[in-house]
């Protein structure tokens, strides 16, 4: 929830009973912002896949908000927020390691040329570390073959048994 809008605008969906709201409830303890990377990561992938400039625009808005509301004056760092619904926000006086290792990395990649870590040549793991893609080939062959299956995925030649 720390990356979700805490109060979606009414024009988004004025119906308070809308189906999507059944899974979207922000509890009082969920008004924090830990500067988690998942939303920025999603914007990065959507930009790379679609080239739609809106993903960069949204990323830039997020970055500006981080700078405006979480930068620590005269200290050169950033802090997470315990309440992101107030202006000025209530700070937590800590900076999570994933802010530097993942969130800022994805923001950097979002605004970098597409040939920096091209997605057809690298895989980015869950901790935002890029690894080169390579053909597994015979190096990782197990030596066994899967039994032939029909269009439904059933093993050919095996009869189904029903237990009572």
C-alpha atoms as a PDB file:
ATOM      1  CA  UNK A   1       0.000   0.000   0.000  1.00  0.00           C
ATOM      2  CA  UNK A   2       2.854   2.469   0.448  1.00  0.00           C
ATOM      3  CA  UNK A   3       3.013   3.035  -3.298  1.00  0.00           C
ATOM      4  CA  UNK A   4      -0.743   3.236  -3.846  1.00  0.00           C
ATOM      5  CA  UNK A   5      -2.754   6.438  -3.854  1.00  0.00           C
ATOM      6  CA  UNK A   6      -4.290   6.696  -0.407  1.00  0.00           C
ATOM      7  CA  UNK A   7      -7.270   8.685  -1.650  1.00  0.00           C
ATOM      8  CA  UNK A   8      -8.102   7.961  -5.293  1.00  0.00           C
ATOM      9  CA  UNK A   9      -9.743  10.967  -6.919  1.00  0.00           C
ATOM     10  CA  UNK A  10     -13.534  10.793  -7.216  1.00  0.00           C
ATOM     11  CA  UNK A  11     -13.349  11.146 -10.987  1.00  0.00           C
ATOM     12  CA  UNK A  12     -11.419   7.851 -11.070  1.00  0.00           C
ATOM     13  CA  UNK A  13     -14.572   6.067  -9.985  1.00  0.00           C
ATOM     14  CA  UNK A  14     -17.178   8.008  -8.011  1.00  0.00           C
ATOM     15  CA  UNK A  15     -19.017   4.832  -6.995  1.00  0.00           C
ATOM     16  CA  UNK A  16     -17.863   3.910  -3.451  1.00  0.00           C
ATOM     17  CA  UNK A  17     -19.308   0.404  -3.986  1.00  0.00           C
ATOM     18  CA  UNK A  18     -17.317  -0.242  -7.190  1.00  0.00           C
ATOM     19  CA  UNK A  19     -16.024  -3.797  -7.563  1.00  0.00           C
ATOM     20  CA  UNK A  20     -12.357  -2.777  -7.628  1.00  0.00           C
ATOM     21  CA  UNK A  21     -12.702  -1.164  -4.186  1.00  0.00           C
ATOM     22  CA  UNK A  22     -13.432  -4.554  -2.603  1.00  0.00           C
ATOM     23  CA  UNK A  23      -9.715  -5.381  -2.874  1.00  0.00           C
ATOM     24  CA  UNK A  24      -8.435  -1.850  -2.318  1.00  0.00           C
ATOM     25  CA  UNK A  25      -8.727  -0.685   1.255  1.00  0.00           C
ATOM     26  CA  UNK A  26      -6.148   1.524   2.890  1.00  0.00           C
ATOM     27  CA  UNK A  27      -6.078   0.946   6.626  1.00  0.00           C
ATOM     28  CA  UNK A  28      -4.923   3.674   9.043  1.00  0.00           C
ATOM     29  CA  UNK A  29      -1.572   1.915   9.545  1.00  0.00           C
ATOM     30  CA  UNK A  30      -1.019   1.772   5.774  1.00  0.00           C
ATOM     31  CA  UNK A  31      -0.487   5.493   5.207  1.00  0.00           C
ATOM     32  CA  UNK A  32       3.307   5.099   5.308  1.00  0.00           C
ATOM     33  CA  UNK A  33       5.709   5.312   2.384  1.00  0.00           C
ATOM     34  CA  UNK A  34       8.863   3.227   2.674  1.00  0.00           C
ATOM     35  CA  UNK A  35      10.104   4.275  -0.784  1.00  0.00           C
ATOM     36  CA  UNK A  36       9.651   0.724  -2.044  1.00  0.00           C
ATOM     37  CA  UNK A  37      10.715  -0.035  -5.626  1.00  0.00           C
ATOM     38  CA  UNK A  38       7.813  -2.064  -7.023  1.00  0.00           C
ATOM     39  CA  UNK A  39       5.850   0.800  -8.574  1.00  0.00           C
ATOM     40  CA  UNK A  40       8.922   2.385 -10.153  1.00  0.00           C
ATOM     41  CA  UNK A  41      10.013  -1.060 -11.364  1.00  0.00           C
ATOM     42  CA  UNK A  42       6.628  -1.499 -13.046  1.00  0.00           C
ATOM     43  CA  UNK A  43       6.903   1.932 -14.672  1.00  0.00           C
ATOM     44  CA  UNK A  44      10.358   0.995 -15.996  1.00  0.00           C
ATOM     45  CA  UNK A  45       9.112  -2.223 -17.592  1.00  0.00           C
ATOM     46  CA  UNK A  46       6.007  -0.564 -19.004  1.00  0.00           C
ATOM     47  CA  UNK A  47       8.161   2.200 -20.530  1.00  0.00           C
ATOM     48  CA  UNK A  48      10.548  -0.304 -22.067  1.00  0.00           C
ATOM     49  CA  UNK A  49       7.743  -2.480 -23.423  1.00  0.00           C
ATOM     50  CA  UNK A  50       5.381   0.218 -24.735  1.00  0.00           C
ATOM     51  CA  UNK A  51       7.498   3.346 -25.174  1.00  0.00           C
ATOM     52  CA  UNK A  52       4.510   5.292 -23.814  1.00  0.00           C
ATOM     53  CA  UNK A  53       5.872   8.539 -22.359  1.00  0.00           C
ATOM     54  CA  UNK A  54       3.222   8.573 -19.613  1.00  0.00           C
ATOM     55  CA  UNK A  55       5.301   6.016 -17.643  1.00  0.00           C
ATOM     56  CA  UNK A  56       8.273   8.366 -17.603  1.00  0.00           C
ATOM     57  CA  UNK A  57       6.003  11.261 -16.642  1.00  0.00           C
ATOM     58  CA  UNK A  58       4.587   9.279 -13.714  1.00  0.00           C
ATOM     59  CA  UNK A  59       8.091   8.225 -12.690  1.00  0.00           C
ATOM     60  CA  UNK A  60       9.240  11.838 -12.769  1.00  0.00           C
ATOM     61  CA  UNK A  61       6.279  12.886 -10.600  1.00  0.00           C
ATOM     62  CA  UNK A  62       7.215  10.179  -8.097  1.00  0.00           C
ATOM     63  CA  UNK A  63      10.863  11.258  -8.113  1.00  0.00           C
ATOM     64  CA  UNK A  64       9.913  14.904  -7.547  1.00  0.00           C
ATOM     65  CA  UNK A  65       7.674  13.871  -4.651  1.00  0.00           C
ATOM     66  CA  UNK A  66      10.492  11.841  -3.107  1.00  0.00           C
ATOM     67  CA  UNK A  67      12.830  14.828  -3.409  1.00  0.00           C
ATOM     68  CA  UNK A  68      10.257  17.303  -2.088  1.00  0.00           C
ATOM     69  CA  UNK A  69       8.952  15.250   0.825  1.00  0.00           C
ATOM     70  CA  UNK A  70      11.620  12.729   1.837  1.00  0.00           C
ATOM     71  CA  UNK A  71      14.959  14.483   1.292  1.00  0.00           C
ATOM     72  CA  UNK A  72      16.708  15.188   4.589  1.00  0.00           C
ATOM     73  CA  UNK A  73      17.801  18.810   4.838  1.00  0.00           C
ATOM     74  CA  UNK A  74      21.561  19.332   5.108  1.00  0.00           C
ATOM     75  CA  UNK A  75      22.183  15.602   5.481  1.00  0.00           C
ATOM     76  CA  UNK A  76      22.305  14.338   1.897  1.00  0.00           C
ATOM     77  CA  UNK A  77      19.964  11.416   2.515  1.00  0.00           C
ATOM     78  CA  UNK A  78      16.312  10.514   2.333  1.00  0.00           C
ATOM     79  CA  UNK A  79      13.840   9.225   4.885  1.00  0.00           C
ATOM     80  CA  UNK A  80      10.762   7.055   4.697  1.00  0.00           C
ATOM     81  CA  UNK A  81       7.422   8.427   5.854  1.00  0.00           C
ATOM     82  CA  UNK A  82       5.191   7.175   8.628  1.00  0.00           C
ATOM     83  CA  UNK A  83       2.272   9.239   7.303  1.00  0.00           C
ATOM     84  CA  UNK A  84       2.206  10.234   3.657  1.00  0.00           C
ATOM     85  CA  UNK A  85      -1.283  11.734   3.905  1.00  0.00           C
ATOM     86  CA  UNK A  86      -0.190  14.914   5.659  1.00  0.00           C
ATOM     87  CA  UNK A  87       1.697  17.913   4.312  1.00  0.00           C
ATOM     88  CA  UNK A  88       4.329  18.181   5.558  1.00  0.00           C
ATOM     89  CA  UNK A  89       4.492  14.397   5.893  1.00  0.00           C
ATOM     90  CA  UNK A  90       5.461  12.677   9.124  1.00  0.00           C
ATOM     91  CA  UNK A  91       8.935  11.181   8.723  1.00  0.00           C
ATOM     92  CA  UNK A  92      10.335   7.936  10.164  1.00  0.00           C
ATOM     93  CA  UNK A  93      14.004   8.961  10.438  1.00  0.00           C
ATOM     94  CA  UNK A  94      15.335   5.977   8.528  1.00  0.00           C
ATOM     95  CA  UNK A  95      16.330   5.141   4.975  1.00  0.00           C
ATOM     96  CA  UNK A  96      15.755   1.579   3.795  1.00  0.00           C
ATOM     97  CA  UNK A  97      18.555  -0.055   1.810  1.00  0.00           C
ATOM     98  CA  UNK A  98      16.202  -0.877  -1.072  1.00  0.00           C
ATOM     99  CA  UNK A  99      15.711   2.861  -1.648  1.00  0.00           C
ATOM    100  CA  UNK A 100      19.279   3.084  -2.928  1.00  0.00           C
ATOM    101  CA  UNK A 101      19.652  -0.453  -4.270  1.00  0.00           C
ATOM    102  CA  UNK A 102      16.358  -0.743  -6.139  1.00  0.00           C
ATOM    103  CA  UNK A 103      14.086   2.312  -6.201  1.00  0.00           C
ATOM    104  CA  UNK A 104      16.745   4.756  -7.368  1.00  0.00           C
ATOM    105  CA  UNK A 105      18.180   2.157  -9.757  1.00  0.00           C
ATOM    106  CA  UNK A 106      14.806   1.716 -11.468  1.00  0.00           C
ATOM    107  CA  UNK A 107      14.329   5.490 -11.630  1.00  0.00           C
ATOM    108  CA  UNK A 108      17.755   5.758 -13.270  1.00  0.00           C
ATOM    109  CA  UNK A 109      16.906   3.008 -15.752  1.00  0.00           C
ATOM    110  CA  UNK A 110      13.506   4.564 -16.489  1.00  0.00           C
ATOM    111  CA  UNK A 111      15.237   7.686 -17.809  1.00  0.00           C
ATOM    112  CA  UNK A 112      18.244   5.965 -19.394  1.00  0.00           C
ATOM    113  CA  UNK A 113      18.574   5.054 -23.067  1.00  0.00           C
ATOM    114  CA  UNK A 114      16.939   1.731 -23.896  1.00  0.00           C
ATOM    115  CA  UNK A 115      20.272   0.242 -24.962  1.00  0.00           C
ATOM    116  CA  UNK A 116      21.461   0.433 -21.348  1.00  0.00           C
ATOM    117  CA  UNK A 117      20.579  -3.033 -20.033  1.00  0.00           C
ATOM    118  CA  UNK A 118      18.394  -4.074 -22.990  1.00  0.00           C
ATOM    119  CA  UNK A 119      15.710  -6.482 -21.826  1.00  0.00           C
ATOM    120  CA  UNK A 120      16.441  -8.952 -24.615  1.00  0.00           C
ATOM    121  CA  UNK A 121      20.009  -9.298 -23.336  1.00  0.00           C
ATOM    122  CA  UNK A 122      19.642  -9.119 -19.532  1.00  0.00           C
ATOM    123  CA  UNK A 123      17.409 -10.475 -16.789  1.00  0.00           C
ATOM    124  CA  UNK A 124      16.852  -8.294 -13.737  1.00  0.00           C
ATOM    125  CA  UNK A 125      16.316 -10.290 -10.562  1.00  0.00           C
ATOM    126  CA  UNK A 126      14.051  -9.486  -7.632  1.00  0.00           C
ATOM    127  CA  UNK A 127      16.765  -7.357  -5.997  1.00  0.00           C
ATOM    128  CA  UNK A 128      17.250  -5.322  -9.212  1.00  0.00           C
ATOM    129  CA  UNK A 129      20.563  -6.958 -10.111  1.00  0.00           C
ATOM    130  CA  UNK A 130      21.031  -7.365 -13.879  1.00  0.00           C
ATOM    131  CA  UNK A 131      22.363 -10.676 -15.182  1.00  0.00           C
ATOM    132  CA  UNK A 132      23.253 -11.488 -18.781  1.00  0.00           C
ATOM    133  CA  UNK A 133      20.884 -13.837 -20.570  1.00  0.00           C
ATOM    134  CA  UNK A 134      22.497 -16.902 -22.057  1.00  0.00           C
ATOM    135  CA  UNK A 135      21.422 -20.014 -23.870  1.00  0.00           C
ATOM    136  CA  UNK A 136      21.325 -22.948 -21.484  1.00  0.00           C
ATOM    137  CA  UNK A 137      21.834 -25.401 -24.311  1.00  0.00           C
ATOM    138  CA  UNK A 138      23.129 -28.826 -23.348  1.00  0.00           C
ATOM    139  CA  UNK A 139      24.990 -27.450 -20.329  1.00  0.00           C
ATOM    140  CA  UNK A 140      21.918 -27.866 -18.155  1.00  0.00           C
ATOM    141  CA  UNK A 141      20.412 -30.901 -19.857  1.00  0.00           C
ATOM    142  CA  UNK A 142      19.036 -33.481 -17.422  1.00  0.00           C
ATOM    143  CA  UNK A 143      19.274 -36.381 -19.830  1.00  0.00           C
ATOM    144  CA  UNK A 144      15.649 -37.423 -19.356  1.00  0.00           C
ATOM    145  CA  UNK A 145      12.724 -36.835 -21.658  1.00  0.00           C
ATOM    146  CA  UNK A 146       9.165 -36.093 -20.740  1.00  0.00           C
ATOM    147  CA  UNK A 147       6.577 -38.742 -21.567  1.00  0.00           C
ATOM    148  CA  UNK A 148       4.445 -37.854 -24.596  1.00  0.00           C
ATOM    149  CA  UNK A 149       1.168 -36.108 -23.770  1.00  0.00           C
ATOM    150  CA  UNK A 150      -2.067 -35.420 -25.597  1.00  0.00           C
ATOM    151  CA  UNK A 151      -3.602 -31.985 -26.201  1.00  0.00           C
ATOM    152  CA  UNK A 152      -5.099 -32.010 -22.688  1.00  0.00           C
ATOM    153  CA  UNK A 153      -1.746 -32.675 -21.040  1.00  0.00           C
ATOM    154  CA  UNK A 154      -2.514 -36.314 -20.173  1.00  0.00           C
ATOM    155  CA  UNK A 155       0.225 -38.912 -20.550  1.00  0.00           C
ATOM    156  CA  UNK A 156      -0.428 -40.919 -23.710  1.00  0.00           C
ATOM    157  CA  UNK A 157      -1.132 -44.582 -23.013  1.00  0.00           C
ATOM    158  CA  UNK A 158      -1.979 -44.114 -19.341  1.00  0.00           C
ATOM    159  CA  UNK A 159      -5.573 -44.724 -18.327  1.00  0.00           C
ATOM    160  CA  UNK A 160      -7.157 -42.494 -15.742  1.00  0.00           C
ATOM    161  CA  UNK A 161      -8.206 -44.157 -12.502  1.00  0.00           C
ATOM    162  CA  UNK A 162     -10.926 -42.909 -10.217  1.00  0.00           C
ATOM    163  CA  UNK A 163     -10.627 -43.657  -6.531  1.00  0.00           C
ATOM    164  CA  UNK A 164     -13.745 -44.030  -4.458  1.00  0.00           C
END
